[in-house]
C-alpha cells in the first residue's frame, strides 16, 4: 500500500471579487489533482478543509469532495450555495492505495 498527500489553495475570491465571495446561489470550484506516481488501482481519497475564511453575516455552507477518482488522480471539488460568502479556502487530501512493491518478483 502507498500513501500520497497534498494541499491545494482552491481560491482567494475576496482579492478578485470572485464568485465565491460576490455570488449567490449554487457555486462550484473544481480542481484536477494528478498523483506524483500512479497507483495500481483506484485509491481511497480523503479530503478536508485546512483553511477557510468565511463571511460571518450569512450561514456557512460548504461541501468538499473527491470526485472522478482514478489510479492517476481525481477532481477536488468545493461547493457552496445560497448567500454564503467564502473569501478563501484551502483543502488537504490523502490517497491510500495499491502500489508496485519492488520486493515482489515476477517468475515466468
Protein backbone atom coordinates (compact mmCIF):
# COMPACT_ATOMS: atom_id res chain seq x y z
CA UNK A 1 0.00 0.00 0.00
CA UNK A 2 1.13 3.52 -0.74
CA UNK A 3 0.16 6.94 0.55
CA UNK A 4 0.26 10.27 -1.23
CA UNK A 5 -0.92 13.57 0.15
CA UNK A 6 -1.11 17.20 -0.80
CA UNK A 7 -2.59 20.60 -0.15
CA UNK A 8 -4.27 22.95 -2.62
CA UNK A 9 -5.40 26.56 -2.27
CA UNK A 10 -8.69 26.40 -4.17
CA UNK A 11 -9.40 30.12 -4.40
CA UNK A 12 -8.94 33.56 -2.83
CA UNK A 13 -12.06 35.20 -4.21
CA UNK A 14 -12.10 38.16 -1.83
CA UNK A 15 -8.96 39.51 -3.54
CA UNK A 16 -10.53 39.37 -7.02
CA UNK A 17 -14.24 39.78 -6.24
CA UNK A 18 -14.68 36.23 -7.49
CA UNK A 19 -17.95 34.27 -7.47
CA UNK A 20 -17.43 32.53 -4.11
CA UNK A 21 -17.20 35.96 -2.46
CA UNK A 22 -19.63 38.05 -4.50
CA UNK A 23 -22.02 35.45 -5.96
CA UNK A 24 -25.19 33.85 -4.70
CA UNK A 25 -26.88 30.53 -5.36
CA UNK A 26 -25.05 27.32 -6.25
CA UNK A 27 -21.33 27.76 -6.93
CA UNK A 28 -18.54 25.26 -7.55
CA UNK A 29 -14.74 25.30 -7.62
CA UNK A 30 -13.22 22.20 -9.28
CA UNK A 31 -9.51 21.32 -9.49
CA UNK A 32 -7.75 18.36 -11.12
CA UNK A 33 -5.23 16.65 -8.84
CA UNK A 34 -2.66 14.38 -10.54
CA UNK A 35 -0.80 11.91 -8.34
CA UNK A 36 3.00 12.11 -8.42
CA UNK A 37 3.05 8.35 -9.09
CA UNK A 38 0.03 6.42 -10.34
CA UNK A 39 -1.49 3.76 -8.09
CA UNK A 40 -2.08 0.23 -9.40
CA UNK A 41 -5.85 0.69 -8.88
CA UNK A 42 -8.25 3.38 -7.74
CA UNK A 43 -7.14 4.56 -4.26
CA UNK A 44 -9.28 5.70 -1.35
CA UNK A 45 -9.13 9.51 -1.20
CA UNK A 46 -9.91 11.57 1.88
CA UNK A 47 -10.28 15.37 1.74
CA UNK A 48 -10.56 18.04 4.41
CA UNK A 49 -10.65 21.80 4.75
CA UNK A 50 -7.38 23.11 6.18
CA UNK A 51 -8.17 26.84 5.84
CA UNK A 52 -11.42 28.65 5.40
CA UNK A 53 -12.23 32.32 5.57
CA UNK A 54 -15.99 32.86 5.60
CA UNK A 55 -18.17 35.94 5.99
CA UNK A 56 -19.88 35.86 9.39
CA UNK A 57 -23.02 37.65 8.14
CA UNK A 58 -24.50 34.58 6.46
CA UNK A 59 -24.75 30.86 7.17
CA UNK A 60 -21.66 28.80 6.45
CA UNK A 61 -22.46 26.20 3.80
CA UNK A 62 -19.68 24.01 2.45
CA UNK A 63 -19.36 20.71 0.62
CA UNK A 64 -15.86 19.36 -0.15
CA UNK A 65 -15.43 16.08 -2.01
CA UNK A 66 -13.15 13.93 -4.15
CA UNK A 67 -14.85 13.05 -7.42
CA UNK A 68 -13.89 11.06 -10.52
CA UNK A 69 -11.13 9.20 -8.64
CA UNK A 70 -8.83 7.07 -10.82
CA UNK A 71 -5.40 5.46 -10.36
CA UNK A 72 -3.80 8.65 -11.73
CA UNK A 73 -5.74 11.40 -9.95
CA UNK A 74 -9.09 12.93 -9.00
CA UNK A 75 -11.16 16.10 -9.01
CA UNK A 76 -11.09 18.12 -5.78
CA UNK A 77 -14.47 19.87 -5.63
CA UNK A 78 -15.79 22.59 -3.31
CA UNK A 79 -19.41 23.70 -3.45
CA UNK A 80 -21.47 26.30 -1.64
CA UNK A 81 -24.95 27.74 -2.14
CA UNK A 82 -27.48 30.39 -1.18
CA UNK A 83 -25.99 33.61 0.27
CA UNK A 84 -22.82 32.05 1.77
CA UNK A 85 -19.72 34.19 1.10
CA UNK A 86 -16.37 32.39 1.04
CA UNK A 87 -13.28 34.60 0.91
CA UNK A 88 -10.71 31.81 0.57
CA UNK A 89 -10.36 28.09 1.02
CA UNK A 90 -7.51 25.57 1.15
CA UNK A 91 -8.06 21.81 1.10
CA UNK A 92 -5.77 18.91 2.04
CA UNK A 93 -6.04 15.41 0.62
CA UNK A 94 -4.67 11.94 1.31
CA UNK A 95 -4.81 9.00 -1.11
CA UNK A 96 -4.18 5.41 0.02
CA UNK A 97 -3.99 2.59 -2.47
CA UNK A 98 -2.03 -0.28 -4.00
CA UNK A 99 1.42 0.44 -5.41
CA UNK A 100 4.06 -1.71 -7.01
CA UNK A 101 6.18 -3.47 -4.41
CA UNK A 102 9.81 -3.53 -5.54
CA UNK A 103 10.41 -6.62 -3.39
CA UNK A 104 7.92 -8.69 -5.41
CA UNK A 105 9.47 -10.92 -8.02
CA UNK A 106 7.66 -11.94 -11.15
CA UNK A 107 8.51 -15.54 -12.07
CA UNK A 108 7.67 -16.73 -15.54
